[in-house]
Amino acid sequence: MRADRLVAIVLLLQVHGQMTAASLAEQLEASERTVRRDLEALCVAGVPLYSQRGRGGGWSLLQGNRIDLSGLVAEEAQALFLACQLGTVFLDDGTRPGLVAARRKILAALPEPFRDQVQQTGASVLVDQTGWGALPSSDTARPAAPDGTAHLPGLRAAIAAGVQIEIDYQARGAEMQTRRAHPLGLICNRGVWYLLAHTDHGQRTFRVSRIHAMVATTEPAERPGDFDLARAWHDAKGDLRSQAPARLEVLASMTPKEFDRLQVLPAGWRPMSELARSEDGSVTAMFSFPDEPSATRALAGMDVVVLSPQSVRAGLAAVGQRLLDRHATR
């Protein structure tokens, strides 16, 4: 770990020019005492560092000393940085910090002409691992395999160039349409890619796998100066949830052990919320299902007692009666 930290110190000084030991410690999530020992070790090793005392002082590299990645072309630099950004999604908590650190080092070591382009690429791509909440059958326990990524390079290029696009898009259950759009950003939500874009009908969300053709125009795209991709995506998900069909809420009680077991099931099938715990320890919780048949099928295999609605109770009783009739000793 110390070797990584020593490299990170040099790269941070390359980017910021001059930093205090306290600032370095904050960036590296280490103690100031540790960072001062690292700085001394770098000096002993011959790294051309110098310190300036007093107010406004700090540590700096002698001018012209830097790690050089000038062999990278812009496209390679963007791809490498984006791979680091997306790769954090699929790593465990112990490995993820290493990739985050690598991304920081790549950015710091890039030649100046590429750095702004790479940062812009990172700002236009968002990784979101949260579920869709009330949307039926869209929540999964783990990231899905990426789908429909053929047009991603063209979309990224159009966003970076700041130009409008024309797409042939087929929404679910609808006919193919050609649409003109001002691309704003790309979102990878559990392996599924979405394009956020401004159109004549306002901001729209397009699933990339449903784009059948895409052409970048030469006309400049309009992008609000205060646009924030994370906030816009949060609002877009809220709009999609509000447009989803009404879901059936089922009130049920169960043992604490069964409640804990259900927490590891995909989000579309587990209790939406714990409502109460009785003195005997039983848990009252609210389930959410697309409809009564879905609720009946799922709950028939769970160790729960349905309290409401009566239609689901009747459905489960009918399932039980059919099983009893089928397996009764004759």
Protein backbone atom coordinates (compact mmCIF):
# COMPACT_ATOMS: atom_id res chain seq x y z
CA MET A 1 0.00 0.00 0.00
CA ARG A 2 2.85 2.42 0.72
CA ALA A 3 4.17 2.13 -2.84
CA ASP A 4 0.74 3.08 -4.19
CA ARG A 5 0.64 6.05 -1.84
CA LEU A 6 4.08 7.27 -2.89
CA VAL A 7 3.08 7.19 -6.56
CA ALA A 8 -0.20 8.92 -5.73
CA ILE A 9 1.68 11.76 -3.97
CA VAL A 10 3.80 12.42 -7.06
CA LEU A 11 0.75 12.34 -9.33
CA LEU A 12 -1.24 14.69 -7.10
CA LEU A 13 1.65 17.17 -7.10
CA GLN A 14 1.78 16.93 -10.90
CA VAL A 15 -1.87 17.97 -11.14
CA HIS A 16 -2.05 20.60 -8.40
CA GLY A 17 1.47 21.99 -8.61
CA GLN A 18 1.78 22.65 -4.89
CA MET A 19 0.03 21.02 -1.94
CA THR A 20 0.46 21.02 1.80
CA ALA A 21 1.02 17.79 3.71
CA ALA A 22 -2.42 18.25 5.25
CA SER A 23 -4.07 18.49 1.81
CA LEU A 24 -2.22 15.41 0.60
CA ALA A 25 -3.28 13.51 3.70
CA GLU A 26 -6.91 14.41 3.08
CA GLN A 27 -6.75 13.29 -0.55
CA LEU A 28 -5.03 10.01 0.32
CA GLU A 29 -7.12 9.32 3.44
CA ALA A 30 -3.97 8.97 5.52
CA SER A 31 -2.58 10.78 8.53
CA GLU A 32 -0.51 13.92 8.03
CA ARG A 33 2.33 12.26 9.93
CA THR A 34 2.29 9.33 7.48
CA VAL A 35 2.34 11.67 4.49
CA ARG A 36 5.28 13.64 5.90
CA ARG A 37 7.25 10.40 6.28
CA ASP A 38 6.35 9.51 2.67
CA LEU A 39 7.54 12.91 1.45
CA GLU A 40 10.83 12.46 3.25
CA ALA A 41 11.21 8.97 1.74
CA LEU A 42 10.62 10.38 -1.74
CA CYS A 43 13.30 13.02 -1.20
CA VAL A 44 15.77 10.39 0.02
CA ALA A 45 14.97 8.26 -3.03
CA GLY A 46 15.95 11.17 -5.28
CA VAL A 47 12.50 12.40 -6.36
CA PRO A 48 12.95 16.13 -7.09
CA LEU A 49 10.66 17.55 -4.39
CA TYR A 50 11.04 20.80 -2.54
CA SER A 51 9.05 22.46 0.22
CA GLN A 52 8.21 26.09 0.78
CA ARG A 53 7.57 27.12 4.38
CA GLY A 54 5.18 29.72 5.65
CA ARG A 55 1.74 30.86 4.65
CA GLY A 56 0.88 29.79 1.11
CA GLY A 57 3.67 27.24 1.12
CA GLY A 58 3.64 23.51 0.52
CA TRP A 59 5.32 20.73 -1.39
CA SER A 60 6.05 20.81 -5.12
CA LEU A 61 7.84 18.92 -7.85
CA LEU A 62 10.67 20.65 -9.61
CA GLN A 63 9.37 21.99 -12.91
CA GLY A 64 9.45 19.53 -15.77
CA ASN A 65 9.43 16.38 -13.64
CA ARG A 66 6.38 14.20 -14.24
CA ILE A 67 5.21 10.73 -15.17
CA ASP A 68 4.64 10.76 -18.91
CA LEU A 69 1.80 8.93 -20.63
CA SER A 70 2.17 10.91 -23.83
CA GLY A 71 2.09 7.70 -25.86
CA LEU A 72 -1.66 7.52 -25.34
CA VAL A 73 -3.93 9.02 -27.98
CA ALA A 74 -7.11 10.80 -26.86
CA GLU A 75 -9.38 7.86 -27.69
CA GLU A 76 -7.19 5.44 -25.72
CA ALA A 77 -7.06 7.76 -22.73
CA GLN A 78 -10.84 8.16 -22.69
CA ALA A 79 -11.39 4.41 -23.02
CA LEU A 80 -8.96 3.65 -20.20
CA PHE A 81 -10.53 6.20 -17.85
CA LEU A 82 -14.06 5.06 -18.70
CA ALA A 83 -13.11 1.41 -18.14
CA CYS A 84 -11.91 2.31 -14.65
CA GLN A 85 -15.13 4.21 -13.97
CA LEU A 86 -17.41 1.36 -15.07
CA GLY A 87 -15.23 -1.36 -13.59
CA THR A 88 -15.88 -0.19 -10.01
CA VAL A 89 -19.45 -1.52 -10.33
CA PHE A 90 -18.44 -5.16 -10.58
CA LEU A 91 -15.73 -5.24 -7.89
CA ASP A 92 -16.04 -6.16 -4.23
CA ASP A 93 -15.53 -3.56 -1.52
CA GLY A 94 -11.95 -4.68 -0.92
CA THR A 95 -10.88 -4.31 -4.55
CA ARG A 96 -12.85 -1.23 -5.59
CA PRO A 97 -10.59 1.35 -3.84
CA GLY A 98 -7.61 0.09 -5.86
CA LEU A 99 -9.38 0.78 -9.14
CA VAL A 100 -10.53 4.20 -7.93
CA ALA A 101 -6.92 5.00 -7.06
CA ALA A 102 -5.79 3.78 -10.48
CA ARG A 103 -8.32 6.08 -12.15
CA ARG A 104 -6.97 9.03 -10.19
CA LYS A 105 -3.42 8.18 -11.22
CA ILE A 106 -4.37 7.84 -14.88
CA LEU A 107 -6.04 11.25 -14.86
CA ALA A 108 -3.12 12.88 -13.09
CA ALA A 109 -0.53 11.41 -15.45
CA LEU A 110 -2.30 12.26 -18.70
CA PRO A 111 -0.80 14.91 -20.97
CA GLU A 112 -2.50 18.26 -20.52
CA PRO A 113 -4.38 18.28 -23.88
CA PHE A 114 -6.16 15.03 -23.00
CA ARG A 115 -7.10 15.73 -19.40
CA ASP A 116 -10.09 17.99 -20.10
CA GLN A 117 -11.43 15.60 -22.74
CA VAL A 118 -11.17 12.64 -20.37
CA GLN A 119 -12.85 14.54 -17.52
CA GLN A 120 -15.64 15.54 -19.87
CA THR A 121 -16.10 11.89 -20.84
CA GLY A 122 -16.36 10.94 -17.18
CA ALA A 123 -18.91 13.70 -16.50
CA SER A 124 -21.15 12.50 -19.34
CA VAL A 125 -21.32 8.87 -18.15
CA LEU A 126 -23.05 7.79 -14.95
CA VAL A 127 -23.03 4.38 -13.26
CA ASP A 128 -26.17 3.70 -11.21
CA GLN A 129 -26.58 0.44 -9.29
CA THR A 130 -29.81 1.36 -7.51
CA GLY A 131 -33.04 -0.39 -8.45
CA TRP A 132 -36.24 0.99 -9.89
CA GLY A 133 -38.30 0.61 -6.74
CA ALA A 134 -41.93 0.23 -7.74
CA LEU A 135 -41.33 -0.64 -11.38
CA PRO A 136 -42.34 -4.28 -11.93
CA SER A 137 -39.74 -6.90 -12.83
CA SER A 138 -36.94 -4.37 -13.41
CA ASP A 139 -35.07 -4.88 -10.14
CA THR A 140 -32.41 -7.56 -10.04
CA ALA A 141 -30.20 -8.81 -7.26
CA ARG A 142 -27.03 -8.36 -9.31
CA PRO A 143 -25.92 -6.30 -12.31
CA ALA A 144 -27.33 -7.64 -15.54
CA ALA A 145 -25.21 -8.45 -18.56
CA PRO A 146 -24.79 -5.33 -20.71
CA ASP A 147 -27.30 -5.14 -23.56
CA GLY A 148 -27.37 -3.29 -26.86
CA THR A 149 -24.06 -1.46 -26.71
CA ALA A 150 -23.40 -1.18 -30.46
CA HIS A 151 -24.26 2.54 -30.60
CA LEU A 152 -22.43 3.55 -27.42
CA PRO A 153 -19.22 4.72 -29.16
CA GLY A 154 -21.19 6.95 -31.54
CA LEU A 155 -23.30 8.36 -28.73
CA ARG A 156 -20.22 9.13 -26.60
CA ALA A 157 -18.57 10.82 -29.57
CA ALA A 158 -21.66 12.94 -30.25
CA ILE A 159 -21.85 14.02 -26.60
CA ALA A 160 -18.14 14.88 -26.57
CA ALA A 161 -18.49 16.84 -29.84
CA GLY A 162 -21.62 18.60 -28.60
CA VAL A 163 -23.71 17.84 -31.69
CA GLN A 164 -27.31 16.76 -32.25
CA ILE A 165 -28.17 13.22 -33.31
CA GLU A 166 -30.88 11.51 -35.31
CA ILE A 167 -31.95 8.06 -34.09
CA ASP A 168 -34.31 5.37 -35.28
CA TYR A 169 -35.94 4.35 -32.02
CA GLN A 170 -38.53 1.72 -31.22
CA ALA A 171 -40.09 2.00 -27.78
CA ARG A 172 -41.71 -1.03 -26.19
CA GLY A 173 -44.96 -1.85 -27.98
CA ALA A 174 -44.58 1.05 -30.43
CA GLU A 175 -43.61 1.52 -34.07
CA MET A 176 -40.15 2.66 -35.15
CA GLN A 177 -39.73 6.45 -35.19
CA THR A 178 -36.93 8.75 -36.34
CA ARG A 179 -36.18 11.35 -33.69
CA ARG A 180 -33.88 14.36 -33.47
CA ALA A 181 -32.24 14.74 -30.05
CA HIS A 182 -29.68 16.76 -28.13
CA PRO A 183 -27.68 14.10 -26.22
CA LEU A 184 -26.94 14.98 -22.59
CA GLY A 185 -25.42 11.89 -21.02
CA LEU A 186 -25.28 8.10 -20.79
CA ILE A 187 -26.27 6.00 -17.80
CA CYS A 188 -25.36 2.39 -17.08
CA ASN A 189 -28.07 1.11 -14.74
CA ARG A 190 -27.29 -2.45 -13.66
CA GLY A 191 -25.85 -3.35 -17.05
CA VAL A 192 -28.58 -1.60 -19.06
CA TRP A 193 -27.57 1.57 -20.91
CA TYR A 194 -29.81 4.62 -21.23
CA LEU A 195 -29.41 7.87 -23.14
CA LEU A 196 -30.67 11.07 -21.56
CA ALA A 197 -31.44 13.64 -24.25
CA HIS A 198 -33.39 16.83 -24.87
CA THR A 199 -36.02 16.72 -27.64
CA ASP A 200 -38.77 18.94 -28.99
CA HIS A 201 -41.02 17.26 -26.41
CA GLY A 202 -38.71 17.93 -23.49
CA GLN A 203 -36.14 15.71 -21.81
CA ARG A 204 -36.50 12.05 -22.71
CA THR A 205 -34.89 8.76 -21.65
CA PHE A 206 -33.99 6.27 -24.41
CA ARG A 207 -32.89 2.70 -23.82
CA VAL A 208 -29.78 2.30 -25.98
CA SER A 209 -30.62 -1.28 -26.99
CA ARG A 210 -33.79 0.03 -28.68
CA ILE A 211 -31.84 2.44 -30.91
CA HIS A 212 -31.68 0.74 -34.32
CA ALA A 213 -29.70 3.45 -36.12
CA MET A 214 -27.89 6.64 -35.14
CA VAL A 215 -26.37 9.49 -37.12
CA ALA A 216 -24.47 12.42 -35.66
CA THR A 217 -25.31 15.74 -37.32
CA THR A 218 -23.14 18.84 -37.62
CA GLU A 219 -25.65 21.02 -35.77
CA PRO A 220 -24.65 22.01 -32.22
CA ALA A 221 -26.55 20.42 -29.36
CA GLU A 222 -28.14 22.57 -26.69
CA ARG A 223 -26.98 21.73 -23.16
CA PRO A 224 -28.07 23.74 -20.10
CA GLY A 225 -25.14 25.41 -18.42
CA ASP A 226 -26.15 24.06 -15.00
CA PHE A 227 -26.93 20.56 -16.24
CA ASP A 228 -26.15 17.83 -13.70
CA LEU A 229 -26.37 14.29 -15.06
CA ALA A 230 -26.90 12.61 -11.67
CA ARG A 231 -29.73 14.94 -10.72
CA ALA A 232 -31.35 14.68 -14.16
CA TRP A 233 -31.23 10.86 -14.03
CA HIS A 234 -32.72 10.85 -10.52
CA ASP A 235 -35.62 12.97 -11.78
CA ALA A 236 -36.04 10.79 -14.88
CA LYS A 237 -36.29 7.63 -12.78
CA GLY A 238 -38.90 9.31 -10.62
CA ASP A 239 -40.98 10.21 -13.68
CA LEU A 240 -40.78 6.64 -14.99
CA ARG A 241 -41.84 5.24 -11.63
CA SER A 242 -44.82 7.57 -11.49
CA GLN A 243 -45.92 6.39 -14.94
CA ALA A 244 -45.71 2.70 -13.98
CA PRO A 245 -48.95 0.74 -13.61
CA ALA A 246 -50.44 0.64 -10.12
CA ARG A 247 -49.14 -2.25 -8.04
CA LEU A 248 -50.95 -4.47 -5.58
CA GLU A 249 -49.93 -4.05 -1.96
CA VAL A 250 -50.20 -7.14 0.24
CA LEU A 251 -50.06 -7.01 4.04
CA ALA A 252 -48.59 -10.11 5.67
CA SER A 253 -47.00 -11.33 8.88
CA MET A 254 -44.10 -13.72 9.32
CA THR A 255 -41.35 -14.81 11.71
CA PRO A 256 -38.22 -12.65 12.00
CA LYS A 257 -36.22 -15.50 10.44
CA GLU A 258 -38.48 -15.58 7.37
CA PHE A 259 -38.39 -11.78 7.09
CA ASP A 260 -34.58 -11.83 7.10
CA ARG A 261 -34.55 -14.59 4.48
CA LEU A 262 -36.79 -12.58 2.17
CA GLN A 263 -34.42 -9.62 2.26
CA VAL A 264 -31.97 -11.44 -0.04
CA LEU A 265 -34.59 -12.05 -2.74
CA PRO A 266 -34.77 -9.75 -5.81
CA ALA A 267 -36.21 -6.39 -4.85
CA GLY A 268 -39.39 -6.86 -6.88
CA TRP A 269 -40.44 -9.73 -4.59
CA ARG A 270 -39.29 -8.85 -1.12
CA PRO A 271 -41.21 -6.80 1.50
CA MET A 272 -41.27 -3.15 0.55
CA SER A 273 -41.09 -2.17 4.19
CA GLU A 274 -41.29 -3.49 7.72
CA LEU A 275 -44.33 -1.98 9.42
CA ALA A 276 -44.30 -3.45 12.93
CA ARG A 277 -42.97 -6.16 15.24
CA SER A 278 -45.23 -7.75 17.83
CA GLU A 279 -44.27 -8.88 21.33
CA ASP A 280 -43.85 -12.46 20.13
CA GLY A 281 -41.34 -11.24 17.52
CA SER A 282 -43.49 -11.68 14.41
CA VAL A 283 -43.00 -9.08 11.69
CA THR A 284 -45.77 -7.28 9.81
CA ALA A 285 -44.60 -6.12 6.39
CA MET A 286 -45.98 -4.78 3.12
CA PHE A 287 -45.29 -6.61 -0.15
CA SER A 288 -45.70 -5.11 -3.60
CA PHE A 289 -46.72 -7.11 -6.71
CA PRO A 290 -47.87 -6.27 -10.23
CA ASP A 291 -51.22 -8.06 -9.77
CA GLU A 292 -53.12 -10.72 -7.82
CA PRO A 293 -51.91 -13.75 -9.83
CA SER A 294 -48.28 -12.68 -9.32
CA ALA A 295 -48.86 -12.22 -5.59
CA THR A 296 -50.56 -15.60 -5.26
CA ARG A 297 -47.81 -17.47 -7.14
CA ALA A 298 -45.01 -15.86 -5.12
CA LEU A 299 -46.57 -16.03 -1.67
CA ALA A 300 -47.65 -19.65 -2.09
CA GLY A 301 -43.99 -20.60 -1.64
CA MET A 302 -43.34 -18.36 1.36
CA ASP A 303 -43.85 -18.99 5.05
CA VAL A 304 -46.12 -15.98 5.59
CA VAL A 305 -49.69 -15.28 6.68
CA VAL A 306 -51.48 -12.87 4.36
CA LEU A 307 -53.66 -10.37 6.22
CA SER A 308 -54.99 -8.45 3.22
CA PRO A 309 -56.36 -8.13 0.61
CA GLN A 310 -59.02 -10.81 0.84
CA SER A 311 -58.65 -11.68 -2.86
CA VAL A 312 -55.06 -12.84 -2.32
CA ARG A 313 -56.06 -14.79 0.81
CA ALA A 314 -58.75 -16.52 -1.25
CA GLY A 315 -56.28 -17.25 -4.04
CA LEU A 316 -53.82 -18.87 -1.63
CA ALA A 317 -56.61 -20.89 -0.02
CA ALA A 318 -57.59 -22.16 -3.47
CA VAL A 319 -53.98 -23.15 -4.20
CA GLY A 320 -53.83 -25.01 -0.90
CA GLN A 321 -57.10 -26.80 -1.58
CA ARG A 322 -55.89 -27.92 -5.02
CA LEU A 323 -52.70 -29.31 -3.48
CA LEU A 324 -54.70 -31.05 -0.79
CA ASP A 325 -57.05 -32.61 -3.33
CA ARG A 326 -54.17 -33.69 -5.53
CA HIS A 327 -52.07 -35.27 -2.80
CA ALA A 328 -54.70 -36.57 -0.38
CA THR A 329 -54.48 -40.28 0.40
CA ARG A 330 -57.23 -42.16 -1.41
